[in-house]
Amino acid sequence: MKYLEVGKIIATHGIKGEVKVALSTAFPFERFKKGNVLYIKDGNNYLEIKIDTFRIHKELGLISFNNITNINNVLEYVGKYIYVDKETLEKLDENNFYYDDLIGLIAYTDNDEKIGEVIDILEVPQGAILVIEKSDKKEALVPFVEEFIKDVFLDEKKIIITPIEGLL
């Protein structure tokens, strides 16, 4: 199985086993829907959890899982990441991508000059920004918008960027 991160448990909430989750998914209501099976990474193991409840409160997800109803039984999960099995995800529409699919792509200009490798994606209020490590080990930040992203070829592990002066 290949896992994609969807959140991190950052604290408990109340005394009835609910936890606060910093969400890292664009589809929180779909990922944390009641009955969904997700995974918590514990060391090298992935522990299966079944979602009982989900709601949004102050920009955080609040979840309960595995019929746990006592704060003492969820304390061990604080600080751990939550994942979804990538095989269970729906295919996205054309020109939509999971961040995990973009990391590791090699970026080229539309003149076929190699820029570097996409090493991270930053989420800002205006949208996503690709972090590209250039060959000189410096980083370039490129907004993931159609003005700059000409094409993405997942099969070829390649992304084509149309730069403007000062972008790279």
C-alpha atoms as a PDB file:
ATOM      1  CA  MET A   1       0.000   0.000   0.000  1.00  0.00           C
ATOM      2  CA  LYS A   2       1.030   3.580  -0.592  1.00  0.00           C
ATOM      3  CA  TYR A   3      -0.114   6.082   1.989  1.00  0.00           C
ATOM      4  CA  LEU A   4      -0.865   9.796   1.651  1.00  0.00           C
ATOM      5  CA  GLU A   5      -0.890  12.086   4.659  1.00  0.00           C
ATOM      6  CA  VAL A   6      -4.260  13.695   5.415  1.00  0.00           C
ATOM      7  CA  GLY A   7      -3.606  15.202   8.840  1.00  0.00           C
ATOM      8  CA  LYS A   8      -1.755  15.238  12.129  1.00  0.00           C
ATOM      9  CA  ILE A   9      -3.283  14.718  15.551  1.00  0.00           C
ATOM     10  CA  ILE A  10      -2.162  17.761  17.517  1.00  0.00           C
ATOM     11  CA  ALA A  11      -4.172  17.544  20.758  1.00  0.00           C
ATOM     12  CA  THR A  12      -7.112  16.015  22.537  1.00  0.00           C
ATOM     13  CA  HIS A  13     -10.458  17.816  22.617  1.00  0.00           C
ATOM     14  CA  GLY A  14     -12.679  17.350  25.625  1.00  0.00           C
ATOM     15  CA  ILE A  15     -12.769  14.198  27.721  1.00  0.00           C
ATOM     16  CA  LYS A  16     -14.729  11.867  25.433  1.00  0.00           C
ATOM     17  CA  GLY A  17     -11.935  10.676  23.151  1.00  0.00           C
ATOM     18  CA  GLU A  18     -12.128  13.327  20.447  1.00  0.00           C
ATOM     19  CA  VAL A  19      -8.851  14.652  18.963  1.00  0.00           C
ATOM     20  CA  LYS A  20      -7.866  17.823  17.099  1.00  0.00           C
ATOM     21  CA  VAL A  21      -6.393  17.262  13.649  1.00  0.00           C
ATOM     22  CA  ALA A  22      -4.343  19.741  11.614  1.00  0.00           C
ATOM     23  CA  LEU A  23      -5.725  18.892   8.186  1.00  0.00           C
ATOM     24  CA  SER A  24      -3.461  18.406   5.165  1.00  0.00           C
ATOM     25  CA  THR A  25      -6.082  17.398   2.637  1.00  0.00           C
ATOM     26  CA  ALA A  26      -8.211  19.434   0.269  1.00  0.00           C
ATOM     27  CA  PHE A  27     -11.074  16.978   0.858  1.00  0.00           C
ATOM     28  CA  PRO A  28     -11.543  16.736   4.640  1.00  0.00           C
ATOM     29  CA  PHE A  29     -15.250  15.849   4.576  1.00  0.00           C
ATOM     30  CA  GLU A  30     -14.551  13.051   2.099  1.00  0.00           C
ATOM     31  CA  ARG A  31     -11.440  11.669   3.850  1.00  0.00           C
ATOM     32  CA  PHE A  32     -12.823  11.753   7.413  1.00  0.00           C
ATOM     33  CA  LYS A  33     -16.358  10.622   6.600  1.00  0.00           C
ATOM     34  CA  LYS A  34     -17.961   8.379   9.217  1.00  0.00           C
ATOM     35  CA  GLY A  35     -17.013   4.755   8.578  1.00  0.00           C
ATOM     36  CA  ASN A  36     -13.897   5.532   6.525  1.00  0.00           C
ATOM     37  CA  VAL A  37     -10.771   3.550   7.294  1.00  0.00           C
ATOM     38  CA  LEU A  38      -7.595   5.597   7.724  1.00  0.00           C
ATOM     39  CA  TYR A  39      -4.185   4.817   9.176  1.00  0.00           C
ATOM     40  CA  ILE A  40      -2.091   6.278  11.985  1.00  0.00           C
ATOM     41  CA  LYS A  41       1.646   5.893  11.586  1.00  0.00           C
ATOM     42  CA  ASP A  42       3.260   4.521  14.726  1.00  0.00           C
ATOM     43  CA  GLY A  43       6.974   3.995  14.177  1.00  0.00           C
ATOM     44  CA  ASN A  44       7.197   1.827  11.046  1.00  0.00           C
ATOM     45  CA  ASN A  45       3.669   0.477  11.445  1.00  0.00           C
ATOM     46  CA  TYR A  46       0.376   1.803  10.174  1.00  0.00           C
ATOM     47  CA  LEU A  47      -2.488   1.254  12.598  1.00  0.00           C
ATOM     48  CA  GLU A  48      -5.945   1.046  11.065  1.00  0.00           C
ATOM     49  CA  ILE A  49      -8.582   3.373  12.466  1.00  0.00           C
ATOM     50  CA  LYS A  50     -12.270   3.681  11.636  1.00  0.00           C
ATOM     51  CA  ILE A  51     -13.770   7.175  11.783  1.00  0.00           C
ATOM     52  CA  ASP A  52     -16.764   7.583  14.108  1.00  0.00           C
ATOM     53  CA  THR A  53     -17.299  11.358  13.903  1.00  0.00           C
ATOM     54  CA  PHE A  54     -15.842  14.347  12.083  1.00  0.00           C
ATOM     55  CA  ARG A  55     -16.464  18.069  12.255  1.00  0.00           C
ATOM     56  CA  ILE A  56     -14.568  21.307  11.681  1.00  0.00           C
ATOM     57  CA  HIS A  57     -13.929  23.632  14.625  1.00  0.00           C
ATOM     58  CA  LYS A  58     -11.709  26.738  14.433  1.00  0.00           C
ATOM     59  CA  GLU A  59     -10.049  25.536  11.196  1.00  0.00           C
ATOM     60  CA  LEU A  60      -9.118  22.173  12.725  1.00  0.00           C
ATOM     61  CA  GLY A  61     -10.712  18.803  12.234  1.00  0.00           C
ATOM     62  CA  LEU A  62     -12.216  17.141  15.286  1.00  0.00           C
ATOM     63  CA  ILE A  63     -12.478  13.372  14.993  1.00  0.00           C
ATOM     64  CA  SER A  64     -13.312  10.375  17.088  1.00  0.00           C
ATOM     65  CA  PHE A  65     -12.404   6.868  15.975  1.00  0.00           C
ATOM     66  CA  ASN A  66     -12.468   3.174  16.877  1.00  0.00           C
ATOM     67  CA  ASN A  67     -15.342   3.751  19.338  1.00  0.00           C
ATOM     68  CA  ILE A  68     -12.901   5.379  21.775  1.00  0.00           C
ATOM     69  CA  THR A  69     -14.857   7.466  24.277  1.00  0.00           C
ATOM     70  CA  ASN A  70     -12.214   8.307  26.889  1.00  0.00           C
ATOM     71  CA  ILE A  71      -9.463  10.927  26.672  1.00  0.00           C
ATOM     72  CA  ASN A  72      -6.966   8.546  28.311  1.00  0.00           C
ATOM     73  CA  ASN A  73      -7.258   6.141  25.374  1.00  0.00           C
ATOM     74  CA  VAL A  74      -6.310   8.744  22.736  1.00  0.00           C
ATOM     75  CA  LEU A  75      -3.385  10.438  24.476  1.00  0.00           C
ATOM     76  CA  GLU A  76      -0.921   8.037  22.837  1.00  0.00           C
ATOM     77  CA  TYR A  77      -1.977   9.267  19.370  1.00  0.00           C
ATOM     78  CA  VAL A  78      -1.179  12.963  19.927  1.00  0.00           C
ATOM     79  CA  GLY A  79       1.635  14.010  17.578  1.00  0.00           C
ATOM     80  CA  LYS A  80       1.019  11.169  15.125  1.00  0.00           C
ATOM     81  CA  TYR A  81       0.119  11.534  11.458  1.00  0.00           C
ATOM     82  CA  ILE A  82      -3.010  10.189   9.776  1.00  0.00           C
ATOM     83  CA  TYR A  83      -2.881   8.643   6.310  1.00  0.00           C
ATOM     84  CA  VAL A  84      -5.220   7.349   3.641  1.00  0.00           C
ATOM     85  CA  ASP A  85      -4.473   4.379   1.403  1.00  0.00           C
ATOM     86  CA  LYS A  86      -3.800   5.921  -2.020  1.00  0.00           C
ATOM     87  CA  GLU A  87      -5.462   2.962  -3.768  1.00  0.00           C
ATOM     88  CA  THR A  88      -8.830   3.980  -2.256  1.00  0.00           C
ATOM     89  CA  LEU A  89      -8.712   7.500  -3.712  1.00  0.00           C
ATOM     90  CA  GLU A  90     -10.733   8.508  -6.723  1.00  0.00           C
ATOM     91  CA  LYS A  91      -8.950   9.609  -9.867  1.00  0.00           C
ATOM     92  CA  LEU A  92      -8.823  13.383 -10.095  1.00  0.00           C
ATOM     93  CA  ASP A  93     -10.025  15.366 -13.081  1.00  0.00           C
ATOM     94  CA  GLU A  94      -7.505  16.370 -15.712  1.00  0.00           C
ATOM     95  CA  ASN A  95      -5.190  19.167 -14.494  1.00  0.00           C
ATOM     96  CA  ASN A  96      -5.795  18.273 -10.832  1.00  0.00           C
ATOM     97  CA  PHE A  97      -3.100  16.425  -8.919  1.00  0.00           C
ATOM     98  CA  TYR A  98      -2.389  15.016  -5.503  1.00  0.00           C
ATOM     99  CA  TYR A  99       0.565  16.861  -4.007  1.00  0.00           C
ATOM    100  CA  ASP A 100       2.322  13.559  -3.425  1.00  0.00           C
ATOM    101  CA  ASP A 101       2.309  12.944  -7.200  1.00  0.00           C
ATOM    102  CA  LEU A 102       4.046  16.272  -7.880  1.00  0.00           C
ATOM    103  CA  ILE A 103       6.894  15.815  -5.403  1.00  0.00           C
ATOM    104  CA  GLY A 104       9.861  14.256  -7.172  1.00  0.00           C
ATOM    105  CA  LEU A 105       8.976  15.577 -10.635  1.00  0.00           C
ATOM    106  CA  ILE A 106      11.814  17.178 -12.590  1.00  0.00           C
ATOM    107  CA  ALA A 107      10.994  20.726 -13.640  1.00  0.00           C
ATOM    108  CA  TYR A 108      11.974  22.071 -17.065  1.00  0.00           C
ATOM    109  CA  THR A 109      11.397  25.407 -18.747  1.00  0.00           C
ATOM    110  CA  ASP A 110       9.298  25.430 -21.881  1.00  0.00           C
ATOM    111  CA  ASN A 111      12.661  25.710 -23.722  1.00  0.00           C
ATOM    112  CA  ASP A 112      13.564  22.260 -22.310  1.00  0.00           C
ATOM    113  CA  GLU A 113      16.170  23.607 -19.871  1.00  0.00           C
ATOM    114  CA  LYS A 114      16.330  21.607 -16.660  1.00  0.00           C
ATOM    115  CA  ILE A 115      15.439  23.683 -13.580  1.00  0.00           C
ATOM    116  CA  GLY A 116      15.528  21.080 -10.807  1.00  0.00           C
ATOM    117  CA  GLU A 117      13.377  18.757  -8.711  1.00  0.00           C
ATOM    118  CA  VAL A 118      10.075  19.517  -6.985  1.00  0.00           C
ATOM    119  CA  ILE A 119      10.881  18.795  -3.319  1.00  0.00           C
ATOM    120  CA  ASP A 120       7.846  20.225  -1.533  1.00  0.00           C
ATOM    121  CA  ILE A 121       4.529  21.999  -1.942  1.00  0.00           C
ATOM    122  CA  LEU A 122       3.599  24.979   0.201  1.00  0.00           C
ATOM    123  CA  GLU A 123      -0.059  25.712   0.829  1.00  0.00           C
ATOM    124  CA  VAL A 124      -0.768  29.445   1.093  1.00  0.00           C
ATOM    125  CA  PRO A 125      -4.115  31.277   1.039  1.00  0.00           C
ATOM    126  CA  GLN A 126      -3.621  32.081  -2.656  1.00  0.00           C
ATOM    127  CA  GLY A 127      -3.014  28.424  -3.575  1.00  0.00           C
ATOM    128  CA  ALA A 128      -0.179  25.953  -3.903  1.00  0.00           C
ATOM    129  CA  ILE A 129       3.472  26.841  -4.481  1.00  0.00           C
ATOM    130  CA  LEU A 130       6.009  24.359  -5.811  1.00  0.00           C
ATOM    131  CA  VAL A 131       9.365  24.323  -4.038  1.00  0.00           C
ATOM    132  CA  ILE A 132      11.983  23.395  -6.639  1.00  0.00           C
ATOM    133  CA  GLU A 133      15.527  22.543  -5.652  1.00  0.00           C
ATOM    134  CA  LYS A 134      17.725  23.831  -8.458  1.00  0.00           C
ATOM    135  CA  SER A 135      21.027  22.259  -9.496  1.00  0.00           C
ATOM    136  CA  ASP A 136      22.932  24.928  -7.496  1.00  0.00           C
ATOM    137  CA  LYS A 137      21.016  23.670  -4.386  1.00  0.00           C
ATOM    138  CA  LYS A 138      19.073  26.940  -4.126  1.00  0.00           C
ATOM    139  CA  GLU A 139      15.298  26.837  -4.039  1.00  0.00           C
ATOM    140  CA  ALA A 140      12.855  28.401  -6.456  1.00  0.00           C
ATOM    141  CA  LEU A 141       9.222  29.002  -5.511  1.00  0.00           C
ATOM    142  CA  VAL A 142       6.766  28.658  -8.385  1.00  0.00           C
ATOM    143  CA  PRO A 143       3.017  29.238  -7.957  1.00  0.00           C
ATOM    144  CA  PHE A 144       1.051  26.228  -9.197  1.00  0.00           C
ATOM    145  CA  VAL A 145      -1.167  28.239 -11.554  1.00  0.00           C
ATOM    146  CA  GLU A 146      -1.715  27.902 -15.280  1.00  0.00           C
ATOM    147  CA  GLU A 147       0.243  31.112 -15.980  1.00  0.00           C
ATOM    148  CA  PHE A 148       3.433  29.304 -14.901  1.00  0.00           C
ATOM    149  CA  ILE A 149       2.633  25.587 -15.196  1.00  0.00           C
ATOM    150  CA  LYS A 150       2.456  24.679 -18.858  1.00  0.00           C
ATOM    151  CA  ASP A 151       2.195  20.874 -18.547  1.00  0.00           C
ATOM    152  CA  VAL A 152       2.528  18.028 -16.084  1.00  0.00           C
ATOM    153  CA  PHE A 153       3.585  14.575 -17.290  1.00  0.00           C
ATOM    154  CA  LEU A 154       3.303  12.209 -14.323  1.00  0.00           C
ATOM    155  CA  ASP A 155       4.318   9.170 -16.386  1.00  0.00           C
ATOM    156  CA  GLU A 156       7.528  10.893 -17.458  1.00  0.00           C
ATOM    157  CA  LYS A 157       8.122  12.454 -13.991  1.00  0.00           C
ATOM    158  CA  LYS A 158       8.299  15.845 -15.705  1.00  0.00           C
ATOM    159  CA  ILE A 159       6.720  19.270 -15.230  1.00  0.00           C
ATOM    160  CA  ILE A 160       7.038  22.118 -17.735  1.00  0.00           C
ATOM    161  CA  ILE A 161       7.175  25.671 -16.390  1.00  0.00           C
ATOM    162  CA  THR A 162       6.872  28.961 -18.254  1.00  0.00           C
ATOM    163  CA  PRO A 163       9.062  31.293 -16.175  1.00  0.00           C
ATOM    164  CA  ILE A 164       8.982  35.045 -16.080  1.00  0.00           C
ATOM    165  CA  GLU A 165      11.985  37.206 -15.280  1.00  0.00           C
ATOM    166  CA  GLY A 166      13.013  36.808 -11.637  1.00  0.00           C
ATOM    167  CA  LEU A 167      10.840  33.726 -10.989  1.00  0.00           C
ATOM    168  CA  LEU A 168      13.666  31.234 -10.868  1.00  0.00           C
END
